[in-house]
């Protein structure tokens, strides 16, 4: 019954986001309210929510100059970093959907489409985790290999958070820093004072 409710909520959520793709309707403008109880599922969901919030703001409003920036020829550009975060978001969501991972063709996707898809992947994963009584069922599947959820925490989730920090640093270098009203500690955005 609980899984049915989660699936219905995900379908309704996806339909609402599909109707309006404006910036305000993307998930993670702010971190959702925290759960009333501490469980493995609510803690894992909160980690993904935190990642979503950081990615939202690290990738919000990037210019062509920002996307092309790379500190040296051996380092990913900001756009390449967004591609990598999108790949990591697929690993995270596929785990919660109990689907094997496969390569996703991003070659025809715009920066805005990649950003939206990553945020939607994270929101879907967090919603599933939040409603779960047993997150050990969400294994990372690569072919015949099933890797425990533990690796999700120190692998794709932590890696994506790391790369959000890179995006934030790169955009500061290009003169387009993150909105100063974003508070990563509270997960909220302060109203700008006139």
N, C-alpha and C. Protein backbone atom coordinates (compact mmCIF):
# COMPACT_ATOMS: atom_id res chain seq x y z
N UNK A 1 0.83 -1.20 0.00
CA UNK A 1 0.00 0.00 0.00
C UNK A 1 0.87 1.25 0.00
N UNK A 2 1.92 1.25 0.85
CA UNK A 2 2.79 2.42 0.95
C UNK A 2 3.49 2.68 -0.37
N UNK A 3 3.93 1.61 -1.08
CA UNK A 3 4.58 1.77 -2.38
C UNK A 3 3.62 2.35 -3.41
N UNK A 4 2.36 1.94 -3.36
CA UNK A 4 1.35 2.46 -4.28
C UNK A 4 1.16 3.96 -4.07
N UNK A 5 1.13 4.39 -2.83
CA UNK A 5 0.97 5.81 -2.52
C UNK A 5 2.17 6.59 -3.03
N UNK A 6 3.38 6.06 -2.85
CA UNK A 6 4.59 6.73 -3.32
C UNK A 6 4.56 6.85 -4.84
N UNK A 7 4.16 5.80 -5.54
CA UNK A 7 4.10 5.83 -7.01
C UNK A 7 3.08 6.85 -7.48
N UNK A 8 1.91 6.89 -6.86
CA UNK A 8 0.89 7.87 -7.23
C UNK A 8 1.40 9.29 -7.01
N UNK A 9 2.06 9.52 -5.87
CA UNK A 9 2.62 10.85 -5.58
C UNK A 9 3.66 11.24 -6.62
N UNK A 10 4.49 10.29 -7.04
CA UNK A 10 5.51 10.58 -8.04
C UNK A 10 4.90 10.94 -9.39
N UNK A 11 3.86 10.22 -9.77
CA UNK A 11 3.19 10.49 -11.05
C UNK A 11 2.56 11.88 -11.02
N UNK A 12 1.87 12.22 -9.93
CA UNK A 12 1.24 13.54 -9.81
C UNK A 12 2.31 14.62 -9.82
N UNK A 13 3.40 14.40 -9.08
CA UNK A 13 4.49 15.37 -9.04
C UNK A 13 5.08 15.59 -10.42
N UNK A 14 5.32 14.52 -11.15
CA UNK A 14 5.89 14.63 -12.49
C UNK A 14 4.95 15.36 -13.43
N UNK A 15 3.64 15.11 -13.30
CA UNK A 15 2.66 15.79 -14.15
C UNK A 15 2.65 17.29 -13.86
N UNK A 16 2.73 17.66 -12.61
CA UNK A 16 2.73 19.08 -12.24
C UNK A 16 3.96 19.77 -12.80
N UNK A 17 5.13 19.14 -12.70
CA UNK A 17 6.35 19.76 -13.22
C UNK A 17 6.34 19.79 -14.73
N UNK A 18 5.73 18.80 -15.37
CA UNK A 18 5.68 18.77 -16.83
C UNK A 18 4.82 19.89 -17.38
N UNK A 19 3.81 20.33 -16.65
CA UNK A 19 2.92 21.38 -17.12
C UNK A 19 3.59 22.74 -17.14
N UNK A 20 4.52 23.00 -16.27
CA UNK A 20 5.16 24.31 -16.21
C UNK A 20 6.65 24.11 -15.98
N UNK A 21 7.44 24.39 -16.99
CA UNK A 21 8.88 24.15 -16.89
C UNK A 21 9.64 25.39 -16.48
N UNK A 22 8.96 26.40 -15.99
CA UNK A 22 9.65 27.62 -15.59
C UNK A 22 10.56 27.35 -14.40
N UNK A 23 11.53 28.25 -14.23
CA UNK A 23 12.54 28.12 -13.17
C UNK A 23 11.91 27.91 -11.80
N UNK A 24 10.82 28.61 -11.50
CA UNK A 24 10.22 28.52 -10.17
C UNK A 24 9.65 27.13 -9.88
N UNK A 25 9.32 26.39 -10.93
CA UNK A 25 8.68 25.09 -10.73
C UNK A 25 9.66 23.93 -10.64
N UNK A 26 10.92 24.18 -10.89
CA UNK A 26 11.90 23.11 -10.74
C UNK A 26 12.08 22.80 -9.26
N UNK A 27 12.28 21.53 -8.94
CA UNK A 27 12.50 21.21 -7.53
C UNK A 27 13.82 21.76 -7.01
N UNK A 28 13.84 21.99 -5.72
CA UNK A 28 15.03 22.34 -4.96
C UNK A 28 15.42 23.81 -4.99
N UNK A 29 14.48 24.68 -5.32
CA UNK A 29 14.72 26.10 -5.07
C UNK A 29 15.05 26.27 -3.59
N UNK A 30 14.35 25.51 -2.76
CA UNK A 30 14.66 25.39 -1.33
C UNK A 30 14.59 23.91 -0.96
N UNK A 31 15.24 23.55 0.13
CA UNK A 31 15.19 22.18 0.62
C UNK A 31 13.79 21.95 1.21
N UNK A 32 13.15 20.83 0.89
CA UNK A 32 11.83 20.57 1.47
C UNK A 32 11.88 20.51 2.99
N UNK A 33 10.74 20.71 3.61
CA UNK A 33 10.67 20.59 5.07
C UNK A 33 11.18 19.21 5.49
N UNK A 34 11.82 19.17 6.63
CA UNK A 34 12.37 17.88 7.06
C UNK A 34 11.27 16.99 7.63
N UNK A 35 11.55 15.69 7.63
CA UNK A 35 10.60 14.70 8.11
C UNK A 35 10.45 14.77 9.61
N UNK A 36 9.33 14.34 10.09
CA UNK A 36 9.04 14.36 11.54
C UNK A 36 9.82 13.28 12.28
N UNK A 37 10.20 12.21 11.57
CA UNK A 37 10.91 11.12 12.23
C UNK A 37 12.20 10.80 11.49
N UNK A 38 13.15 10.27 12.25
CA UNK A 38 14.42 9.84 11.69
C UNK A 38 14.36 8.37 11.35
N UNK A 39 14.51 8.05 10.07
CA UNK A 39 14.62 6.66 9.62
C UNK A 39 15.75 6.63 8.61
N UNK A 40 16.16 5.44 8.22
CA UNK A 40 17.18 5.35 7.17
C UNK A 40 16.68 6.03 5.91
N UNK A 41 15.41 5.84 5.58
CA UNK A 41 14.84 6.44 4.37
C UNK A 41 14.79 7.95 4.43
N UNK A 42 14.37 8.51 5.57
CA UNK A 42 14.28 9.98 5.66
C UNK A 42 15.67 10.61 5.68
N UNK A 43 16.64 9.94 6.30
CA UNK A 43 18.01 10.46 6.31
C UNK A 43 18.62 10.43 4.90
N UNK A 44 18.44 9.32 4.19
CA UNK A 44 18.97 9.22 2.82
C UNK A 44 18.28 10.24 1.92
N UNK A 45 16.98 10.41 2.08
CA UNK A 45 16.24 11.39 1.29
C UNK A 45 16.76 12.79 1.55
N UNK A 46 17.05 13.10 2.80
CA UNK A 46 17.54 14.43 3.15
C UNK A 46 18.91 14.69 2.52
N UNK A 47 19.74 13.66 2.43
CA UNK A 47 21.04 13.82 1.77
C UNK A 47 20.83 14.15 0.29
N UNK A 48 19.89 13.46 -0.35
CA UNK A 48 19.62 13.72 -1.76
C UNK A 48 18.98 15.10 -1.92
N UNK A 49 18.09 15.47 -1.00
CA UNK A 49 17.51 16.82 -1.04
C UNK A 49 18.59 17.89 -0.92
N UNK A 50 19.55 17.68 -0.03
CA UNK A 50 20.65 18.63 0.13
C UNK A 50 21.46 18.75 -1.15
N UNK A 51 21.71 17.61 -1.79
CA UNK A 51 22.40 17.60 -3.08
C UNK A 51 21.58 18.38 -4.10
N UNK A 52 20.27 18.13 -4.15
CA UNK A 52 19.42 18.82 -5.11
C UNK A 52 19.47 20.33 -4.94
N UNK A 53 19.42 20.79 -3.70
CA UNK A 53 19.48 22.22 -3.40
C UNK A 53 20.81 22.80 -3.85
N UNK A 54 21.89 22.13 -3.54
CA UNK A 54 23.21 22.62 -3.93
C UNK A 54 23.36 22.65 -5.46
N UNK A 55 22.86 21.60 -6.12
CA UNK A 55 22.96 21.58 -7.58
C UNK A 55 22.07 22.66 -8.19
N UNK A 56 20.88 22.84 -7.66
CA UNK A 56 19.98 23.88 -8.17
C UNK A 56 20.72 25.21 -8.24
N UNK A 57 21.33 25.59 -7.12
CA UNK A 57 21.95 26.91 -7.05
C UNK A 57 23.31 26.97 -7.72
N UNK A 58 24.07 25.89 -7.72
CA UNK A 58 25.37 25.89 -8.40
C UNK A 58 25.19 25.98 -9.91
N UNK A 59 24.05 25.47 -10.43
CA UNK A 59 23.83 25.42 -11.87
C UNK A 59 22.83 26.46 -12.36
N UNK A 60 22.26 27.25 -11.48
CA UNK A 60 21.23 28.23 -11.84
C UNK A 60 21.84 29.44 -12.55
N UNK A 61 21.27 29.79 -13.71
CA UNK A 61 21.66 31.00 -14.40
C UNK A 61 23.06 31.02 -14.99
N UNK A 62 23.55 29.87 -15.40
CA UNK A 62 24.89 29.84 -15.99
C UNK A 62 24.86 30.40 -17.40
N UNK A 63 25.88 31.14 -17.74
CA UNK A 63 26.02 31.71 -19.07
C UNK A 63 26.90 30.80 -19.93
N UNK A 64 26.98 31.12 -21.21
CA UNK A 64 27.86 30.36 -22.11
C UNK A 64 29.31 30.42 -21.61
N UNK A 65 29.71 31.59 -21.13
CA UNK A 65 31.06 31.75 -20.58
C UNK A 65 31.26 30.82 -19.39
N UNK A 66 30.26 30.74 -18.50
CA UNK A 66 30.34 29.84 -17.34
C UNK A 66 30.45 28.39 -17.79
N UNK A 67 29.58 28.00 -18.71
CA UNK A 67 29.53 26.60 -19.15
C UNK A 67 30.83 26.16 -19.81
N UNK A 68 31.48 27.06 -20.51
CA UNK A 68 32.73 26.72 -21.22
C UNK A 68 33.97 26.79 -20.34
N UNK A 69 33.85 27.37 -19.15
CA UNK A 69 35.03 27.57 -18.30
C UNK A 69 35.63 26.25 -17.84
N UNK A 70 36.95 26.19 -17.92
CA UNK A 70 37.73 25.09 -17.32
C UNK A 70 39.05 25.69 -16.88
N UNK A 71 39.49 25.38 -15.66
CA UNK A 71 40.72 26.00 -15.15
C UNK A 71 41.97 25.60 -15.91
N UNK A 72 41.97 24.42 -16.53
CA UNK A 72 43.10 23.98 -17.35
C UNK A 72 42.58 22.95 -18.35
N UNK A 73 43.40 22.63 -19.34
CA UNK A 73 42.95 21.70 -20.39
C UNK A 73 42.68 20.29 -19.86
N UNK A 74 43.22 19.94 -18.71
CA UNK A 74 43.05 18.60 -18.15
C UNK A 74 41.85 18.50 -17.20
N UNK A 75 41.08 19.57 -17.07
CA UNK A 75 39.97 19.61 -16.12
C UNK A 75 38.66 19.74 -16.90
N UNK A 76 37.61 19.09 -16.39
CA UNK A 76 36.29 19.22 -17.02
C UNK A 76 35.84 20.68 -17.03
N UNK A 77 35.12 21.05 -18.08
CA UNK A 77 34.48 22.35 -18.10
C UNK A 77 33.25 22.29 -17.19
N UNK A 78 32.66 23.43 -16.94
CA UNK A 78 31.43 23.44 -16.13
C UNK A 78 30.35 22.62 -16.81
N UNK A 79 30.22 22.73 -18.13
CA UNK A 79 29.21 21.93 -18.82
C UNK A 79 29.50 20.43 -18.72
N UNK A 80 30.76 20.05 -18.84
CA UNK A 80 31.14 18.64 -18.66
C UNK A 80 30.81 18.18 -17.24
N UNK A 81 31.00 19.07 -16.28
CA UNK A 81 30.70 18.74 -14.88
C UNK A 81 29.21 18.54 -14.70
N UNK A 82 28.40 19.35 -15.35
CA UNK A 82 26.94 19.17 -15.29
C UNK A 82 26.56 17.83 -15.91
N UNK A 83 27.21 17.46 -17.02
CA UNK A 83 26.97 16.15 -17.62
C UNK A 83 27.27 15.03 -16.62
N UNK A 84 28.37 15.17 -15.92
CA UNK A 84 28.76 14.16 -14.94
C UNK A 84 27.75 14.09 -13.79
N UNK A 85 27.31 15.23 -13.31
CA UNK A 85 26.31 15.25 -12.23
C UNK A 85 25.01 14.62 -12.73
N UNK A 86 24.64 14.88 -13.97
CA UNK A 86 23.44 14.24 -14.54
C UNK A 86 23.61 12.72 -14.55
N UNK A 87 24.79 12.24 -14.97
CA UNK A 87 25.05 10.79 -14.95
C UNK A 87 24.92 10.23 -13.53
N UNK A 88 25.46 10.95 -12.56
CA UNK A 88 25.36 10.50 -11.17
C UNK A 88 23.91 10.49 -10.70
N UNK A 89 23.13 11.47 -11.14
CA UNK A 89 21.71 11.52 -10.74
C UNK A 89 20.95 10.33 -11.31
N UNK A 90 21.33 9.87 -12.49
CA UNK A 90 20.71 8.68 -13.05
C UNK A 90 21.05 7.45 -12.22
N UNK A 91 22.29 7.35 -11.75
CA UNK A 91 22.67 6.21 -10.90
C UNK A 91 21.83 6.23 -9.62
N UNK A 92 21.65 7.41 -9.04
CA UNK A 92 20.89 7.54 -7.80
C UNK A 92 19.43 7.16 -8.03
N UNK A 93 18.79 7.72 -9.06
CA UNK A 93 17.37 7.43 -9.28
C UNK A 93 17.16 5.99 -9.75
N UNK A 94 18.04 5.48 -10.60
CA UNK A 94 17.88 4.09 -11.06
C UNK A 94 17.93 3.12 -9.90
N UNK A 95 18.75 3.42 -8.92
CA UNK A 95 18.82 2.58 -7.72
C UNK A 95 17.46 2.53 -7.03
N UNK A 96 16.84 3.69 -6.86
CA UNK A 96 15.54 3.71 -6.15
C UNK A 96 14.42 3.14 -7.00
N UNK A 97 14.58 3.17 -8.32
CA UNK A 97 13.58 2.57 -9.21
C UNK A 97 13.87 1.09 -9.46
N UNK A 98 14.98 0.61 -8.89
CA UNK A 98 15.43 -0.78 -9.03
C UNK A 98 15.67 -1.13 -10.50
N UNK A 99 16.27 -0.19 -11.21
CA UNK A 99 16.57 -0.37 -12.63
C UNK A 99 18.08 -0.43 -12.83
N UNK A 100 18.53 -1.23 -13.80
CA UNK A 100 19.95 -1.25 -14.11
C UNK A 100 20.37 0.07 -14.78
N UNK A 101 21.61 0.41 -14.63
CA UNK A 101 22.15 1.62 -15.24
C UNK A 101 22.57 1.34 -16.67
N UNK A 102 22.32 2.31 -17.53
CA UNK A 102 22.78 2.23 -18.91
C UNK A 102 23.16 3.64 -19.35
N UNK A 103 23.95 3.74 -20.38
CA UNK A 103 24.40 5.03 -20.85
C UNK A 103 23.22 5.82 -21.42
N UNK A 104 23.13 7.08 -21.04
CA UNK A 104 22.08 7.97 -21.53
C UNK A 104 22.71 8.94 -22.52
N UNK A 105 22.10 9.06 -23.70
CA UNK A 105 22.61 9.98 -24.72
C UNK A 105 22.19 11.40 -24.37
N UNK A 106 23.17 12.22 -24.04
CA UNK A 106 22.91 13.62 -23.66
C UNK A 106 23.30 14.58 -24.78
N UNK A 107 23.73 14.04 -25.89
CA UNK A 107 24.32 14.88 -26.95
C UNK A 107 23.35 15.92 -27.51
N UNK A 108 22.07 15.65 -27.49
CA UNK A 108 21.11 16.60 -28.04
C UNK A 108 20.40 17.42 -26.95
N UNK A 109 20.80 17.23 -25.71
CA UNK A 109 20.17 17.95 -24.60
C UNK A 109 20.85 19.30 -24.40
N UNK A 110 20.04 20.32 -24.12
CA UNK A 110 20.59 21.63 -23.78
C UNK A 110 20.99 21.62 -22.31
N UNK A 111 21.73 22.65 -21.94
CA UNK A 111 22.10 22.81 -20.53
C UNK A 111 20.85 22.83 -19.64
N UNK A 112 19.82 23.56 -20.07
CA UNK A 112 18.58 23.66 -19.28
C UNK A 112 17.91 22.30 -19.14
N UNK A 113 17.91 21.51 -20.21
CA UNK A 113 17.29 20.17 -20.16
C UNK A 113 18.08 19.24 -19.25
N UNK A 114 19.40 19.31 -19.31
CA UNK A 114 20.25 18.47 -18.44
C UNK A 114 20.01 18.84 -16.98
N UNK A 115 19.98 20.14 -16.72
CA UNK A 115 19.77 20.62 -15.35
C UNK A 115 18.42 20.16 -14.82
N UNK A 116 17.38 20.36 -15.62
CA UNK A 116 16.04 19.95 -15.20
C UNK A 116 15.98 18.44 -14.94
N UNK A 117 16.56 17.65 -15.86
CA UNK A 117 16.52 16.20 -15.70
C UNK A 117 17.25 15.75 -14.43
N UNK A 118 18.40 16.34 -14.16
CA UNK A 118 19.13 15.98 -12.94
C UNK A 118 18.29 16.30 -11.71
N UNK A 119 17.68 17.48 -11.68
CA UNK A 119 16.86 17.86 -10.53
C UNK A 119 15.65 16.94 -10.39
N UNK A 120 15.02 16.58 -11.50
CA UNK A 120 13.87 15.67 -11.44
C UNK A 120 14.30 14.28 -10.97
N UNK A 121 15.46 13.81 -11.45
CA UNK A 121 15.97 12.51 -11.00
C UNK A 121 16.18 12.51 -9.49
N UNK A 122 16.78 13.57 -8.97
CA UNK A 122 17.05 13.66 -7.53
C UNK A 122 15.75 13.73 -6.73
N UNK A 123 14.79 14.50 -7.23
CA UNK A 123 13.50 14.62 -6.53
C UNK A 123 12.78 13.27 -6.48
N UNK A 124 12.77 12.57 -7.60
CA UNK A 124 12.14 11.25 -7.65
C UNK A 124 12.80 10.30 -6.66
N UNK A 125 14.13 10.27 -6.66
CA UNK A 125 14.86 9.38 -5.75
C UNK A 125 14.57 9.73 -4.29
N UNK A 126 14.62 11.02 -3.96
CA UNK A 126 14.38 11.45 -2.58
C UNK A 126 12.97 11.08 -2.13
N UNK A 127 11.99 11.27 -2.99
CA UNK A 127 10.60 10.93 -2.63
C UNK A 127 10.44 9.43 -2.36
N UNK A 128 11.10 8.61 -3.17
CA UNK A 128 11.02 7.16 -2.95
C UNK A 128 11.71 6.79 -1.64
N UNK A 129 12.90 7.35 -1.42
CA UNK A 129 13.64 7.04 -0.19
C UNK A 129 12.86 7.48 1.05
N UNK A 130 12.26 8.65 0.98
CA UNK A 130 11.51 9.21 2.12
C UNK A 130 10.38 8.27 2.56
N UNK A 131 9.78 7.58 1.62
CA UNK A 131 8.67 6.69 1.93
C UNK A 131 9.06 5.25 2.17
N UNK A 132 10.36 4.99 2.23
CA UNK A 132 10.82 3.60 2.33
C UNK A 132 11.12 3.18 3.76
N UNK A 133 10.72 1.95 4.06
CA UNK A 133 11.05 1.35 5.36
C UNK A 133 12.36 0.58 5.31
N UNK A 134 12.85 0.29 4.09
CA UNK A 134 14.06 -0.52 3.94
C UNK A 134 14.84 -0.05 2.72
N UNK A 135 15.82 0.81 2.94
CA UNK A 135 16.58 1.33 1.80
C UNK A 135 17.64 0.35 1.30
N UNK A 136 17.87 -0.74 2.01
CA UNK A 136 18.85 -1.73 1.54
C UNK A 136 18.39 -2.38 0.24
N UNK A 137 17.12 -2.26 -0.08
CA UNK A 137 16.60 -2.84 -1.33
C UNK A 137 17.04 -2.06 -2.57
N UNK A 138 17.54 -0.84 -2.37
CA UNK A 138 17.88 0.03 -3.50
C UNK A 138 19.36 -0.11 -3.86
N UNK A 139 19.65 -1.17 -4.55
CA UNK A 139 21.02 -1.46 -4.95
C UNK A 139 21.37 -0.72 -6.23
N UNK A 140 22.64 -0.43 -6.40
CA UNK A 140 23.14 0.12 -7.66
C UNK A 140 23.39 -1.07 -8.57
N UNK A 141 22.78 -1.06 -9.74
CA UNK A 141 22.88 -2.20 -10.65
C UNK A 141 23.65 -1.81 -11.90
N UNK A 142 24.80 -2.48 -12.09
CA UNK A 142 25.60 -2.34 -13.30
C UNK A 142 25.70 -3.74 -13.91
N UNK A 143 24.93 -3.98 -14.95
CA UNK A 143 24.92 -5.31 -15.57
C UNK A 143 24.46 -6.35 -14.58
N UNK A 144 25.31 -7.34 -14.31
CA UNK A 144 24.98 -8.40 -13.36
C UNK A 144 25.38 -8.05 -11.93
N UNK A 145 26.11 -6.95 -11.77
CA UNK A 145 26.59 -6.54 -10.45
C UNK A 145 25.55 -5.72 -9.71
N UNK A 146 25.30 -6.11 -8.47
CA UNK A 146 24.42 -5.34 -7.59
C UNK A 146 25.25 -4.86 -6.41
N UNK A 147 25.33 -3.55 -6.27
CA UNK A 147 26.17 -2.94 -5.25
C UNK A 147 25.28 -2.36 -4.17
N UNK A 148 25.60 -2.58 -2.88
CA UNK A 148 24.72 -2.14 -1.80
C UNK A 148 24.53 -0.62 -1.74
N UNK A 149 23.43 -0.21 -1.15
CA UNK A 149 23.09 1.21 -1.03
C UNK A 149 24.19 2.00 -0.33
N UNK A 150 24.94 1.36 0.56
CA UNK A 150 26.02 2.06 1.25
C UNK A 150 26.90 2.82 0.25
N UNK A 151 27.19 2.18 -0.89
CA UNK A 151 28.05 2.80 -1.88
C UNK A 151 27.39 4.01 -2.55
N UNK A 152 26.08 4.10 -2.47
CA UNK A 152 25.36 5.26 -2.99
C UNK A 152 25.78 6.52 -2.22
N UNK A 153 25.95 6.36 -0.90
CA UNK A 153 26.28 7.50 -0.03
C UNK A 153 27.67 8.01 -0.32
N UNK A 154 28.68 7.14 -0.25
CA UNK A 154 30.06 7.59 -0.47
C UNK A 154 30.42 7.66 -1.94
N UNK A 155 29.56 7.16 -2.80
CA UNK A 155 29.80 7.20 -4.24
C UNK A 155 29.05 8.35 -4.89
N UNK A 156 27.98 8.05 -5.64
CA UNK A 156 27.30 9.08 -6.43
C UNK A 156 26.80 10.30 -5.65
N UNK A 157 26.26 10.12 -4.46
CA UNK A 157 25.74 11.28 -3.72
C UNK A 157 26.88 12.20 -3.31
N UNK A 158 27.90 11.65 -2.66
CA UNK A 158 29.03 12.48 -2.22
C UNK A 158 29.78 13.06 -3.42
N UNK A 159 29.93 12.28 -4.47
CA UNK A 159 30.63 12.75 -5.66
C UNK A 159 29.90 13.93 -6.28
N UNK A 160 28.59 13.84 -6.39
CA UNK A 160 27.81 14.94 -6.99
C UNK A 160 27.88 16.19 -6.12
N UNK A 161 27.86 16.03 -4.80
CA UNK A 161 27.99 17.20 -3.92
C UNK A 161 29.35 17.86 -4.15
N UNK A 162 30.38 17.05 -4.26
CA UNK A 162 31.74 17.55 -4.53
C UNK A 162 31.75 18.39 -5.81
N UNK A 163 31.11 17.87 -6.86
CA UNK A 163 31.11 18.57 -8.14
C UNK A 163 30.25 19.84 -8.11
N UNK A 164 29.25 19.88 -7.27
CA UNK A 164 28.48 21.13 -7.10
C UNK A 164 29.40 22.23 -6.57
N UNK A 165 30.31 21.85 -5.68
CA UNK A 165 31.30 22.81 -5.17
C UNK A 165 32.21 23.31 -6.28
N UNK A 166 32.57 22.41 -7.20
CA UNK A 166 33.38 22.84 -8.34
C UNK A 166 32.63 23.85 -9.19
N UNK A 167 31.36 23.55 -9.48
CA UNK A 167 30.56 24.49 -10.28
C UNK A 167 30.51 25.86 -9.59
N UNK A 168 30.30 25.84 -8.28
CA UNK A 168 30.22 27.10 -7.53
C UNK A 168 31.54 27.87 -7.63
N UNK A 169 32.66 27.17 -7.53
CA UNK A 169 33.96 27.83 -7.64
C UNK A 169 34.20 28.36 -9.04
N UNK A 170 33.90 27.53 -10.04
CA UNK A 170 34.13 27.93 -11.43
C UNK A 170 33.33 29.18 -11.78
N UNK A 171 32.06 29.22 -11.35
CA UNK A 171 31.23 30.37 -11.72
C UNK A 171 31.67 31.63 -10.97
N UNK A 172 32.24 31.46 -9.80
CA UNK A 172 32.79 32.61 -9.08
C UNK A 172 33.98 33.18 -9.86
N UNK A 173 34.79 32.30 -10.42
CA UNK A 173 35.95 32.72 -11.21
C UNK A 173 35.50 33.47 -12.47
N UNK A 174 34.41 33.04 -13.08
CA UNK A 174 33.93 33.69 -14.31
C UNK A 174 33.11 34.95 -14.03
N UNK A 175 32.97 35.31 -12.76
CA UNK A 175 32.27 36.54 -12.41
C UNK A 175 30.77 36.41 -12.25
N UNK A 176 30.28 35.19 -12.07
CA UNK A 176 28.85 34.94 -11.94
C UNK A 176 28.60 34.09 -10.69
N UNK A 177 28.86 34.64 -9.49
CA UNK A 177 28.73 33.83 -8.28
C UNK A 177 27.28 33.44 -7.98
N UNK A 178 27.14 32.44 -7.12
CA UNK A 178 25.82 31.99 -6.68
C UNK A 178 25.10 33.13 -5.98
N UNK A 179 23.80 33.14 -6.09
CA UNK A 179 22.95 34.12 -5.41
C UNK A 179 23.38 34.22 -3.94
N UNK A 180 23.74 35.40 -3.47
CA UNK A 180 24.22 35.56 -2.09
C UNK A 180 23.12 35.34 -1.03
N UNK A 181 21.88 35.26 -1.45
CA UNK A 181 20.78 35.04 -0.50
C UNK A 181 20.54 33.56 -0.21
N UNK A 182 21.27 32.68 -0.89
CA UNK A 182 21.15 31.23 -0.67
C UNK A 182 21.87 30.87 0.62
N UNK A 183 21.18 30.18 1.51
CA UNK A 183 21.76 29.74 2.77
C UNK A 183 21.82 28.21 2.75
N UNK A 184 23.01 27.66 2.55
CA UNK A 184 23.14 26.21 2.46
C UNK A 184 22.88 25.51 3.79
N UNK A 185 23.08 26.20 4.88
CA UNK A 185 22.84 25.61 6.20
C UNK A 185 21.36 25.39 6.45
N UNK A 186 20.55 26.38 6.12
CA UNK A 186 19.09 26.26 6.36
C UNK A 186 18.37 25.65 5.16
N UNK A 187 19.00 25.68 3.99
CA UNK A 187 18.33 25.19 2.81
C UNK A 187 17.26 26.14 2.31
N UNK A 188 17.39 27.41 2.66
CA UNK A 188 16.40 28.42 2.29
C UNK A 188 17.07 29.56 1.53
N UNK A 189 16.25 30.40 0.93
CA UNK A 189 16.72 31.58 0.24
C UNK A 189 16.16 32.80 0.96
N UNK A 190 17.05 33.64 1.45
CA UNK A 190 16.61 34.86 2.14
C UNK A 190 16.03 35.82 1.12
N UNK A 191 15.00 36.54 1.52
CA UNK A 191 14.44 37.56 0.63
C UNK A 191 15.42 38.70 0.50
N UNK A 192 15.61 39.15 -0.72
CA UNK A 192 16.53 40.27 -0.96
C UNK A 192 15.95 41.54 -0.35
N UNK A 193 16.81 42.31 0.29
CA UNK A 193 16.38 43.59 0.87
C UNK A 193 16.51 44.66 -0.20
N UNK A 194 15.52 45.53 -0.25
CA UNK A 194 15.54 46.63 -1.23
C UNK A 194 16.52 47.69 -0.85
